[in-house]
Amino acid sequence: MDKKAKKRLEVINKKLQTLRPRLAGSKEQADDPNELAELENEISSLEAEAAELRKSK
């Protein structure tokens, strides 16, 4: 894995750490139903990108 891919993976992991608690909070208090879907989509796309980066080691 090259330096750029490692850095991108670090950024993705950091974003996921902040998004997962937001998703949990959004599920508990569903003020905006669109927010829940947006968070789920963003998390799934970041997880897919992370998987691709790990696969390309």
Protein backbone atom coordinates (compact mmCIF):
# COMPACT_ATOMS: atom_id res chain seq x y z
CA MET A 1 0.00 0.00 0.00
CA ASP A 2 1.46 3.33 -1.00
CA LYS A 3 1.68 6.40 1.20
CA LYS A 4 -1.30 8.12 -0.39
CA ALA A 5 -3.58 5.10 0.13
CA LYS A 6 -2.50 4.79 3.77
CA LYS A 7 -3.29 8.45 4.39
CA ARG A 8 -6.70 8.12 2.70
CA LEU A 9 -7.46 5.06 4.84
CA GLU A 10 -6.57 7.04 7.99
CA VAL A 11 -8.89 9.86 6.91
CA ILE A 12 -11.71 7.40 6.20
CA ASN A 13 -11.31 5.73 9.57
CA LYS A 14 -11.35 9.09 11.35
CA LYS A 15 -14.53 10.11 9.52
CA LEU A 16 -16.18 6.79 10.37
CA GLN A 17 -15.36 7.30 14.05
CA THR A 18 -17.33 10.55 14.03
CA LEU A 19 -20.18 9.36 11.79
CA ARG A 20 -21.07 6.17 13.68
CA PRO A 21 -22.01 7.95 16.94
CA ARG A 22 -23.98 10.52 14.93
CA LEU A 23 -25.86 7.68 13.24
CA ALA A 24 -26.64 6.06 16.60
CA GLY A 25 -27.90 9.39 17.94
CA SER A 26 -29.96 9.97 14.84
CA LYS A 27 -31.59 6.55 15.22
CA GLU A 28 -32.53 7.30 18.83
CA GLN A 29 -33.88 10.77 18.08
CA ALA A 30 -35.22 10.84 14.55
CA ASP A 31 -35.81 14.57 14.07
CA ASP A 32 -34.91 14.49 10.38
CA PRO A 33 -35.57 11.20 8.54
CA ASN A 34 -33.38 12.31 5.64
CA GLU A 35 -30.37 12.66 7.93
CA LEU A 36 -30.56 8.99 8.89
CA ALA A 37 -30.49 7.89 5.26
CA GLU A 38 -27.68 10.31 4.41
CA LEU A 39 -25.52 9.08 7.29
CA GLU A 40 -26.13 5.44 6.38
CA ASN A 41 -25.21 6.12 2.73
CA GLU A 42 -22.07 8.03 3.66
CA ILE A 43 -20.92 5.32 6.08
CA SER A 44 -21.52 2.54 3.58
CA SER A 45 -19.64 4.37 0.81
CA LEU A 46 -16.69 5.09 3.12
CA GLU A 47 -16.60 1.47 4.28
CA ALA A 48 -16.62 0.29 0.66
CA GLU A 49 -13.77 2.65 -0.22
CA ALA A 50 -11.80 1.46 2.81
CA ALA A 51 -12.32 -2.15 1.79
CA GLU A 52 -11.04 -1.37 -1.72
CA LEU A 53 -7.95 0.31 -0.30
CA ARG A 54 -7.24 -2.62 2.01
CA LYS A 55 -7.77 -5.07 -0.85
CA SER A 56 -5.22 -3.29 -3.03
CA LYS A 57 -2.37 -3.83 -0.58
